[in-house]
Structure formats: structure tokens, C-alpha cells
Amino acid sequence: MTDWTGRRFEVEVGAVAHGGHCVARAEGRVVFVRHALPGERVVVAITEDRGGSFCRGDAVEVLEASPERVEPPCPVAVPGGCGGCDWQHASAVEQRRLKAVVVAEQLHRLAGVDREVEVEELAGGLAHWRTRVRLAVDRTGYLGFHAHRSSRIVPVTDCVIAAPGTVDVLVGREWTPGAELDVSVDATGRTHASELVPDKGRRRSGKPVLRSQRVLGSAVAVEQAARREWELDAQGFWQVHPDAADVLAEAVELWSDARPGQVAWDLYAGVGLFASVLAGQVGPEGTVIAVESGRQAAEDAADNLADLPSVRVFAGKVEHVITDPELPDPHVVVLDPPRKGAGKDVVTAIADRAPARVVYVACDPAALARDIALFADRGYRLADLRAFDTFPMTHHVECVALLEN
């Protein structure tokens, strides 16, 4: 088959698909089109063709626009530009509708579940919400972001979605070519930034090993959520939207419904956000098992939850820790796995303990749907689901699912 890269086609844009693009067809092949909206007529330039039944492209000219199309507020949110945002050309209402369609489609296709989905808006609007950002440095020492599905770096002078105290304090300075910058602003308004510099001569999986050098702030960030203050590694995981941690903790608290004296598990626990919620429910006579594979995060969880006697923190891979027969059987399990999902081994280990409820927090609707199907094979049904727009302007969406046995 001839490589279509660089060719242009006039196409009718169809439905949205998972990943921040829409589906179109050209000469019988599927084209995944970015920078387009359903119902539009556009000229698509093919940007990637690896053969097979589909290829990828950008809408470089809009012939018939959707009424939901808006002008992107960022000058590099264009074909060939920054790959960070997917939906800057869509209205806020349309962005949430597109995400809802994607979540519903993944549930239908991968889990056999049909249900309407509403993506709930968080406070603060579409801009200046991202409190944790990773940037790259080009060969001239200038900061930028990677282009979509590319190692090419697009230089920037600002970022529409980045919170004040992140990108704005780093641009305009010269950095080490080939380095990366991790920057965050915590709940106190303090900026923490590290330059990740290639360690000469060291490579892992074909890529340079990066050595961290702190350039701003400290090694410890302070966050606030679930009526508590949290201290954690400034480069560690925390929800990037300033309202997300509280919103998700409230959703978990509503559906976990653990009772005094019961046992609850918090899997992929991070620094212990959901474990603190569960501890408040089971009380000092109950037990909360918090499992986290990242050693630093597990240590932070133990420190942050030291005042809660019901919490026991385990550092280790979830699939290994929860098969220990010495662990007490849970009445409820909360899990917040990485983007790939929990997978068959973890789902099987949970179901073997027969909790009455599972509260599943997910950042990828496809992984969530696959795991819901695995739980269904063990007798668990999807009782409820909420979706939150914790990543405006991008295709990402956070879901919380309640599964009951």
C-alpha cells in the first residue's frame, strides 16, 4: 500500500473517538482527524501512515464548520503545533459532550454496558488550571512541549491551561539542551521546579537517563484536600486540577459507605487521599489497608496518615500485596490504578475476597471499561458512574464507577 503521508483529502467528519480525534473516511480507509469536530467538512492532511486500515491526519482547512467551533485561545494549538490540548477549538459544552460520548462508547464496546453519561464541570473554567506540568528543552535551550505523537519540541512563551506559578516562571530563561523541566505550584502558592538533565553516558531502554536538579522551591509540596493537609514529593503524583482531589474524595466517600469497625482497602493509594476518607468511615476500631507501589509515595502516605490508627500502609505492587492470605477480607475496595487499568490479576484477587462494593477511580475510560467487563465475569454489576472534566481542553476525563456484587 502506498504511504499517504503528506496527501490531502476532503472529508466529512464523523463521530468522536477515544484519543482526542474524530473519525472520517477517505478512499475507503479510516482517518483519525485531529482539530476537527463531528459534522464538519474539512481538508485533512495525512500526518502518519503505517499501513493497514487507518491513518492519522490534521484538519488543515475547515470548509463547513460546526456551530460548536471556537477560535483556539492558544497560538500553538493548531495542526503541527503543540500536542498537549485536543479540544481548544470546541466550546466548553461541546468538549464535555464529546468526552461523555467517548466514555459511553467505551462502556458499550468493551463492557457491553449501555448508559447515558454526563461529564460534570469543575470550578475555574477552561484555562489556568494545570498545577503540575512537564516541559521539554530543545537544542537551543528553549522551553516547549512535544508535538502530537512526536519527539519534536514546539517552543512556547506561555501555556493557556497552566496555572500561574508554573510555565510562566520558567519561560524566558535558558536551559540545558535535551533536558526536561518538572514544575508544580502547590496549595500554598509555592512553585517547585526541577531540571531533569541527561546523565552523560547513561541510557535505559535506549533513552538517556535523566538526573534531577532542583531549581525552584523545595523537595516537598503542600496540598490540601479531604479536610486535611498533605506533604508529598514535589515531583510525585497529585491531581493536577486544583479541585480534582476534593471532588474525587467526595465521590469516593459517598459510594464507599464503609461502616464503623469494617475493613476497607485503598489500592494504588498514592499518598493516602482515599485511605483518609475510608479511615473516617471505619473509625479507630476498623481497618484500612492502603497499598502503593511507589516507595516514596508509600512513605509519604504513612507520614500523612500517622494520626489515623486504623490505617496500615503497604509498599509494594498491588497484585502481590493483596494475595497475602493474612490480609483481612474487605467490605469495600477503592482502587485508582494507572492509565493502563488494574487488569485481570488484580480484578481476580479483589473478586476472590468478595467485597460488597468496589469504587473504581479511572483516568482512562477504555481501561475502566475493560476492567468493568472483568468484574462482570465475577458477578459485579455497574451500579452507578460519574465523570468529571478534570482535564479541560484535553481529551482526558476522570471517572468514578460503583460496582456492586
Protein backbone atom coordinates (compact mmCIF):
# COMPACT_ATOMS: atom_id res chain seq x y z
CA MET A 1 0.00 0.00 0.00
CA THR A 2 1.25 3.48 -0.90
CA ASP A 3 2.19 5.71 2.05
CA TRP A 4 -0.35 8.53 2.25
CA THR A 5 1.76 10.81 4.46
CA GLY A 6 1.57 14.35 3.09
CA ARG A 7 -1.52 13.73 0.94
CA ARG A 8 -4.68 15.81 1.40
CA PHE A 9 -8.31 14.74 1.20
CA GLU A 10 -11.65 16.50 1.51
CA VAL A 11 -13.69 14.52 4.04
CA GLU A 12 -16.90 14.53 6.06
CA VAL A 13 -16.06 14.27 9.75
CA GLY A 14 -17.92 11.57 11.66
CA ALA A 15 -18.09 10.62 15.32
CA VAL A 16 -15.59 11.43 18.02
CA ALA A 17 -13.20 8.62 19.01
CA HIS A 18 -11.15 7.92 22.11
CA GLY A 19 -7.87 9.83 21.96
CA GLY A 20 -8.82 13.39 21.01
CA HIS A 21 -9.76 12.94 17.37
CA CYS A 22 -12.74 12.23 15.14
CA VAL A 23 -13.31 9.52 12.54
CA ALA A 24 -13.50 10.19 8.81
CA ARG A 25 -13.08 8.08 5.69
CA ALA A 26 -11.03 8.70 2.57
CA GLU A 27 -10.99 6.27 -0.35
CA GLY A 28 -12.32 3.52 1.91
CA ARG A 29 -9.77 3.99 4.70
CA VAL A 30 -10.42 5.29 8.20
CA VAL A 31 -8.68 8.57 9.01
CA PHE A 32 -8.38 9.74 12.61
CA VAL A 33 -8.62 13.51 12.29
CA ARG A 34 -7.44 15.98 14.91
CA HIS A 35 -8.54 19.65 15.02
CA ALA A 36 -11.97 18.72 13.64
CA LEU A 37 -15.46 18.34 15.11
CA PRO A 38 -18.28 15.91 14.25
CA GLY A 39 -20.38 17.02 11.30
CA GLU A 40 -17.76 19.29 9.78
CA ARG A 41 -16.41 19.16 6.25
CA VAL A 42 -12.65 19.65 6.24
CA VAL A 43 -9.47 19.19 4.28
CA VAL A 44 -7.31 16.68 6.13
CA ALA A 45 -3.55 16.43 5.68
CA ILE A 46 -2.24 12.93 6.45
CA THR A 47 0.46 13.13 9.12
CA GLU A 48 1.06 9.44 9.86
CA ASP A 49 0.50 6.32 7.80
CA ARG A 50 1.86 2.98 8.99
CA GLY A 51 -0.22 0.99 6.54
CA GLY A 52 -3.26 -1.04 7.39
CA SER A 53 -6.87 0.07 7.59
CA PHE A 54 -6.34 3.50 9.14
CA CYS A 55 -4.05 6.52 9.16
CA ARG A 56 -3.89 9.83 11.03
CA GLY A 57 -4.20 13.43 9.95
CA ASP A 58 -4.92 17.05 10.85
CA ALA A 59 -7.77 19.23 9.63
CA VAL A 60 -5.83 21.99 7.90
CA GLU A 61 -8.86 23.72 6.34
CA VAL A 62 -12.45 23.87 7.57
CA LEU A 63 -14.91 24.03 4.68
CA GLU A 64 -18.11 23.69 6.72
CA ALA A 65 -17.73 24.43 10.44
CA SER A 66 -19.65 23.04 13.39
CA PRO A 67 -21.66 25.64 15.36
CA GLU A 68 -19.63 24.49 18.40
CA ARG A 69 -16.31 25.50 16.82
CA VAL A 70 -14.44 28.36 18.53
CA GLU A 71 -11.12 30.05 17.96
CA PRO A 72 -8.39 28.26 19.95
CA PRO A 73 -7.05 30.66 22.62
CA CYS A 74 -3.51 29.28 22.26
CA PRO A 75 -1.50 30.14 19.12
CA VAL A 76 0.22 26.72 19.07
CA ALA A 77 -2.99 24.66 19.48
CA VAL A 78 -3.05 24.20 15.70
CA PRO A 79 -2.13 21.50 13.18
CA GLY A 80 1.58 20.81 13.54
CA GLY A 81 1.68 22.64 16.86
CA CYS A 82 1.67 21.57 20.49
CA GLY A 83 0.23 18.13 21.19
CA GLY A 84 -0.96 18.87 24.73
CA CYS A 85 -4.51 20.07 24.06
CA ASP A 86 -7.03 18.27 21.85
CA TRP A 87 -10.23 20.35 22.02
CA GLN A 88 -9.31 24.04 22.22
CA HIS A 89 -11.32 24.53 19.02
CA ALA A 90 -14.52 23.31 20.73
CA SER A 91 -16.84 25.19 23.10
CA ALA A 92 -16.80 24.18 26.75
CA VAL A 93 -20.18 22.47 26.43
CA GLU A 94 -19.06 20.59 23.33
CA GLN A 95 -15.83 19.43 24.99
CA ARG A 96 -17.79 17.81 27.81
CA ARG A 97 -20.31 16.31 25.37
CA LEU A 98 -17.52 14.76 23.31
CA LYS A 99 -15.96 13.23 26.40
CA ALA A 100 -19.32 11.86 27.52
CA VAL A 101 -19.79 10.22 24.11
CA VAL A 102 -16.35 8.62 24.36
CA VAL A 103 -16.99 7.23 27.87
CA ALA A 104 -20.38 5.83 26.80
CA GLU A 105 -18.91 4.32 23.64
CA GLN A 106 -16.08 2.61 25.54
CA LEU A 107 -18.54 1.16 28.07
CA HIS A 108 -20.72 -0.16 25.25
CA ARG A 109 -17.90 -1.55 23.12
CA LEU A 110 -15.64 -3.04 25.80
CA ALA A 111 -18.00 -3.82 28.69
CA GLY A 112 -21.34 -4.37 26.98
CA VAL A 113 -22.89 -1.67 29.18
CA ASP A 114 -25.31 0.90 27.77
CA ARG A 115 -25.86 4.03 29.81
CA GLU A 116 -26.02 7.77 29.31
CA VAL A 117 -23.02 9.68 30.61
CA GLU A 118 -22.75 13.28 31.75
CA VAL A 119 -19.34 14.85 32.24
CA GLU A 120 -19.51 17.23 35.19
CA GLU A 121 -17.80 20.61 35.03
CA LEU A 122 -15.31 21.60 37.71
CA ALA A 123 -14.94 25.15 39.01
CA GLY A 124 -12.47 27.52 37.41
CA GLY A 125 -13.24 27.28 33.71
CA LEU A 126 -11.09 26.03 30.84
CA ALA A 127 -7.85 27.95 31.45
CA HIS A 128 -5.05 28.17 34.02
CA TRP A 129 -5.97 25.02 35.94
CA ARG A 130 -2.99 22.70 35.46
CA THR A 131 -0.84 22.88 38.60
CA ARG A 132 1.74 20.27 37.51
CA VAL A 133 3.50 20.46 34.14
CA ARG A 134 6.33 18.64 32.35
CA LEU A 135 8.16 20.65 29.67
CA ALA A 136 10.96 19.76 27.28
CA VAL A 137 14.03 21.74 26.24
CA ASP A 138 15.01 21.97 22.59
CA ARG A 139 18.51 22.00 21.14
CA THR A 140 18.81 25.77 21.59
CA GLY A 141 17.91 25.67 25.28
CA TYR A 142 14.35 26.92 24.77
CA LEU A 143 11.35 25.51 26.63
CA GLY A 144 8.40 23.92 24.89
CA PHE A 145 6.04 20.97 24.57
CA HIS A 146 6.13 17.95 22.28
CA ALA A 147 4.12 17.95 19.10
CA HIS A 148 1.41 15.28 18.86
CA ARG A 149 2.91 11.75 18.66
CA SER A 150 6.33 13.24 18.05
CA SER A 151 9.67 13.95 19.71
CA ARG A 152 9.72 17.38 18.05
CA ILE A 153 9.58 20.23 20.56
CA VAL A 154 7.29 23.20 19.94
CA PRO A 155 8.71 26.29 21.70
CA VAL A 156 6.25 28.26 23.86
CA THR A 157 6.15 31.56 25.71
CA ASP A 158 3.06 30.66 27.73
CA CYS A 159 0.51 27.87 28.26
CA VAL A 160 -3.22 28.56 28.32
CA ILE A 161 -4.06 25.67 30.65
CA ALA A 162 -1.07 26.00 33.00
CA ALA A 163 -1.68 27.59 36.40
CA PRO A 164 0.19 30.78 37.34
CA GLY A 165 3.45 29.85 39.00
CA THR A 166 4.31 27.05 36.59
CA VAL A 167 5.20 27.70 32.94
CA ASP A 168 5.19 31.48 33.34
CA VAL A 169 8.07 31.42 35.85
CA LEU A 170 10.29 29.21 33.65
CA VAL A 171 10.00 30.70 30.16
CA GLY A 172 12.47 33.34 29.09
CA ARG A 173 15.38 31.52 30.71
CA GLU A 174 17.99 29.32 29.04
CA TRP A 175 18.00 25.65 29.99
CA THR A 176 20.18 22.62 29.26
CA PRO A 177 19.51 21.34 25.71
CA GLY A 178 17.83 17.93 25.84
CA ALA A 179 16.69 18.38 29.45
CA GLU A 180 13.14 18.32 30.79
CA LEU A 181 11.51 20.56 33.40
CA ASP A 182 9.08 19.37 36.08
CA VAL A 183 7.22 22.29 37.65
CA SER A 184 4.34 22.50 40.09
CA VAL A 185 2.59 25.06 42.23
CA ASP A 186 1.14 23.73 45.47
CA ALA A 187 -1.83 24.75 47.62
CA THR A 188 0.27 27.39 49.40
CA GLY A 189 1.12 29.06 46.07
CA ARG A 190 4.75 27.99 46.22
CA THR A 191 6.47 26.93 42.98
CA HIS A 192 8.64 23.81 42.88
CA ALA A 193 10.73 23.06 39.80
CA SER A 194 13.43 20.55 38.87
CA GLU A 195 15.55 20.37 35.73
CA LEU A 196 15.99 16.78 34.57
CA VAL A 197 19.38 16.74 32.84
CA PRO A 198 20.70 13.88 30.69
CA ASP A 199 23.29 11.94 32.67
CA LYS A 200 26.13 11.59 30.17
CA GLY A 201 26.83 8.06 29.09
CA ARG A 202 23.86 6.53 30.91
CA ARG A 203 20.92 5.12 28.95
CA ARG A 204 17.93 2.95 29.83
CA SER A 205 15.76 1.26 27.18
CA GLY A 206 17.61 3.28 24.56
CA LYS A 207 16.83 6.64 26.19
CA PRO A 208 19.15 8.93 28.21
CA VAL A 209 18.87 8.62 31.98
CA LEU A 210 17.80 11.97 33.46
CA ARG A 211 19.35 13.37 36.64
CA SER A 212 17.15 15.73 38.72
CA GLN A 213 18.45 19.15 39.78
CA ARG A 214 16.16 21.36 41.87
CA VAL A 215 15.97 24.93 40.58
CA LEU A 216 12.99 26.36 42.50
CA GLY A 217 11.19 25.62 45.75
CA SER A 218 11.88 22.52 47.78
CA ALA A 219 11.55 18.74 47.56
CA VAL A 220 8.25 18.82 49.46
CA ALA A 221 4.92 20.19 48.21
CA VAL A 222 1.98 21.02 50.47
CA GLU A 223 -1.53 20.22 49.25
CA GLN A 224 -4.98 20.42 50.82
CA ALA A 225 -7.88 18.04 50.23
CA ALA A 226 -10.45 15.96 52.13
CA ARG A 227 -10.24 18.39 55.06
CA ARG A 228 -6.56 17.56 55.56
CA GLU A 229 -3.14 18.96 54.70
CA TRP A 230 -0.77 16.74 52.74
CA GLU A 231 3.01 16.80 52.41
CA LEU A 232 4.41 14.91 49.43
CA ASP A 233 7.28 14.69 46.99
CA ALA A 234 7.10 17.83 44.85
CA GLN A 235 7.69 15.63 41.76
CA GLY A 236 5.30 12.90 42.94
CA PHE A 237 1.71 12.24 41.91
CA TRP A 238 -1.12 14.58 42.88
CA GLN A 239 -4.21 15.54 40.91
CA VAL A 240 -3.29 18.37 38.53
CA HIS A 241 -6.62 20.21 38.69
CA PRO A 242 -6.87 22.20 41.94
CA ASP A 243 -10.43 20.95 42.64
CA ALA A 244 -9.98 17.35 41.48
CA ALA A 245 -8.69 15.80 44.71
CA ASP A 246 -11.61 17.14 46.75
CA VAL A 247 -14.21 16.25 44.10
CA LEU A 248 -12.94 12.69 43.77
CA ALA A 249 -12.61 12.24 47.54
CA GLU A 250 -16.23 13.34 47.97
CA ALA A 251 -17.40 10.89 45.29
CA VAL A 252 -15.47 8.05 46.92
CA GLU A 253 -16.83 8.95 50.35
CA LEU A 254 -20.41 8.88 49.05
CA TRP A 255 -20.16 5.46 47.41
CA SER A 256 -17.69 3.59 49.64
CA ASP A 257 -20.16 3.72 52.52
CA ALA A 258 -17.86 1.83 54.90
CA ARG A 259 -19.24 1.39 58.40
CA PRO A 260 -17.55 1.69 61.81
CA GLY A 261 -15.44 -1.36 62.55
CA GLN A 262 -15.35 -2.64 58.95
CA VAL A 263 -12.35 -3.36 56.71
CA ALA A 264 -11.63 -1.24 53.62
CA TRP A 265 -8.87 -1.47 51.02
CA ASP A 266 -7.36 1.51 49.17
CA LEU A 267 -5.35 0.19 46.22
CA TYR A 268 -2.87 2.32 44.25
CA ALA A 269 -3.21 4.59 47.27
CA GLY A 270 -0.67 7.29 46.38
CA VAL A 271 -0.08 9.47 49.42
CA GLY A 272 -3.29 8.24 51.06
CA LEU A 273 -6.09 10.58 49.95
CA PHE A 274 -8.82 7.94 49.72
CA ALA A 275 -7.42 5.99 52.68
CA SER A 276 -8.07 9.05 54.84
CA VAL A 277 -11.69 9.10 53.71
CA LEU A 278 -12.10 5.40 54.46
CA ALA A 279 -10.44 5.80 57.86
CA GLY A 280 -13.01 8.42 58.76
CA GLN A 281 -15.76 5.93 57.94
CA VAL A 282 -14.45 2.78 59.66
CA GLY A 283 -13.20 4.65 62.72
CA PRO A 284 -10.42 3.55 65.11
CA GLU A 285 -11.97 0.08 65.52
CA GLY A 286 -11.89 -0.60 61.77
CA THR A 287 -9.01 -1.33 59.38
CA VAL A 288 -7.88 0.41 56.21
CA ILE A 289 -5.30 -1.38 54.06
CA ALA A 290 -3.51 1.12 51.80
CA VAL A 291 -1.29 -0.33 49.07
CA GLU A 292 1.09 1.77 46.97
CA SER A 293 3.93 0.56 44.71
CA GLY A 294 5.91 3.81 44.74
CA ARG A 295 8.17 3.70 47.80
CA GLN A 296 8.36 7.47 48.25
CA ALA A 297 4.59 7.84 47.92
CA ALA A 298 4.06 4.99 50.40
CA GLU A 299 6.40 6.69 52.88
CA ASP A 300 4.52 9.97 52.39
CA ALA A 301 1.22 8.14 52.96
CA ALA A 302 2.47 6.64 56.21
CA ASP A 303 3.62 10.07 57.40
CA ASN A 304 0.43 11.86 56.33
CA LEU A 305 -1.85 9.25 57.93
CA ALA A 306 0.14 8.66 61.12
CA ASP A 307 -2.69 10.16 63.20
CA LEU A 308 -5.18 7.55 61.91
CA PRO A 309 -4.64 4.31 63.85
CA SER A 310 -6.86 2.26 61.55
CA VAL A 311 -4.61 2.74 58.51
CA ARG A 312 -1.88 0.26 57.57
CA VAL A 313 0.29 1.25 54.60
CA PHE A 314 1.96 -1.42 52.45
CA ALA A 315 4.69 -0.54 49.93
CA GLY A 316 4.61 -3.00 47.05
CA LYS A 317 2.88 -3.97 43.82
CA VAL A 318 -0.87 -4.26 44.31
CA GLU A 319 -1.09 -7.64 42.58
CA HIS A 320 1.45 -9.06 45.02
CA VAL A 321 0.30 -7.47 48.29
CA ILE A 322 -3.41 -8.29 48.05
CA THR A 323 -2.82 -12.01 47.52
CA ASP A 324 -1.41 -12.27 51.06
CA PRO A 325 -3.88 -14.52 52.92
CA GLU A 326 -3.07 -12.67 56.15
CA LEU A 327 -4.82 -9.54 54.90
CA PRO A 328 -8.36 -9.21 56.25
CA ASP A 329 -11.20 -9.51 53.72
CA PRO A 330 -12.56 -6.08 52.76
CA HIS A 331 -16.16 -4.92 52.92
CA VAL A 332 -15.32 -2.27 50.30
CA VAL A 333 -12.41 -1.76 47.92
CA VAL A 334 -11.37 1.58 46.43
CA LEU A 335 -8.86 1.48 43.58
CA ASP A 336 -7.29 4.21 41.48
CA PRO A 337 -4.97 2.37 39.05
CA PRO A 338 -2.64 3.95 36.49
CA ARG A 339 -3.82 4.66 32.97
CA LYS A 340 -3.48 1.03 31.83
CA GLY A 341 -6.06 -0.06 34.41
CA ALA A 342 -5.98 -2.77 37.07
CA GLY A 343 -6.02 -5.81 34.80
CA LYS A 344 -7.13 -9.41 35.22
CA ASP A 345 -4.83 -10.43 38.08
CA VAL A 346 -5.87 -7.55 40.33
CA VAL A 347 -9.57 -7.84 39.47
CA THR A 348 -9.46 -11.58 40.18
CA ALA A 349 -7.70 -11.06 43.52
CA ILE A 350 -10.28 -8.46 44.57
CA ALA A 351 -13.25 -10.57 43.50
CA ASP A 352 -11.83 -13.59 45.34
CA ARG A 353 -12.26 -11.59 48.58
CA ALA A 354 -15.92 -10.84 47.69
CA PRO A 355 -16.28 -7.21 48.84
CA ALA A 356 -19.86 -5.92 48.68
CA ARG A 357 -18.77 -2.79 46.79
CA VAL A 358 -15.90 -1.67 44.61
CA VAL A 359 -15.33 2.03 43.94
CA TYR A 360 -13.12 2.39 40.86
CA VAL A 361 -11.46 5.74 40.06
CA ALA A 362 -10.20 5.84 36.47
CA CYS A 363 -8.32 8.28 34.27
CA ASP A 364 -8.85 6.24 31.09
CA PRO A 365 -12.36 5.16 30.00
CA ALA A 366 -11.11 2.28 27.86
CA ALA A 367 -9.14 0.73 30.73
CA LEU A 368 -12.13 1.27 33.03
CA ALA A 369 -14.48 -0.46 30.60
CA ARG A 370 -12.15 -3.44 30.19
CA ASP A 371 -11.92 -3.86 33.97
CA ILE A 372 -15.70 -3.46 34.40
CA ALA A 373 -16.07 -6.39 31.98
CA LEU A 374 -13.66 -8.44 34.09
CA PHE A 375 -15.59 -7.61 37.25
CA ALA A 376 -18.85 -8.54 35.47
CA ASP A 377 -17.44 -12.00 34.84
CA ARG A 378 -17.19 -12.33 38.62
CA GLY A 379 -20.72 -11.18 39.34
CA TYR A 380 -20.23 -7.44 39.82
CA ARG A 381 -22.54 -5.00 38.04
CA LEU A 382 -22.03 -1.33 37.30
CA ALA A 383 -24.44 0.33 39.72
CA ASP A 384 -23.50 3.95 39.04
CA LEU A 385 -20.94 6.13 37.29
CA ARG A 386 -19.86 9.75 37.39
CA ALA A 387 -17.47 11.52 35.04
CA PHE A 388 -15.59 14.73 35.72
CA ASP A 389 -13.88 17.23 33.41
CA THR A 390 -10.66 17.34 35.42
CA PHE A 391 -8.59 18.00 32.28
CA PRO A 392 -10.32 20.78 30.27
CA MET A 393 -9.14 21.38 26.69
CA THR A 394 -7.70 17.83 26.52
CA HIS A 395 -9.37 14.51 25.71
CA HIS A 396 -8.73 13.17 29.21
CA VAL A 397 -11.60 12.59 31.62
CA GLU A 398 -11.79 11.16 35.15
CA CYS A 399 -14.49 8.63 36.04
CA VAL A 400 -15.68 7.11 39.28
CA ALA A 401 -17.59 3.83 38.99
CA LEU A 402 -19.54 1.98 41.66
CA LEU A 403 -19.61 -1.81 41.26
CA GLU A 404 -21.82 -3.98 43.43
CA ASN A 405 -21.86 -7.72 43.94
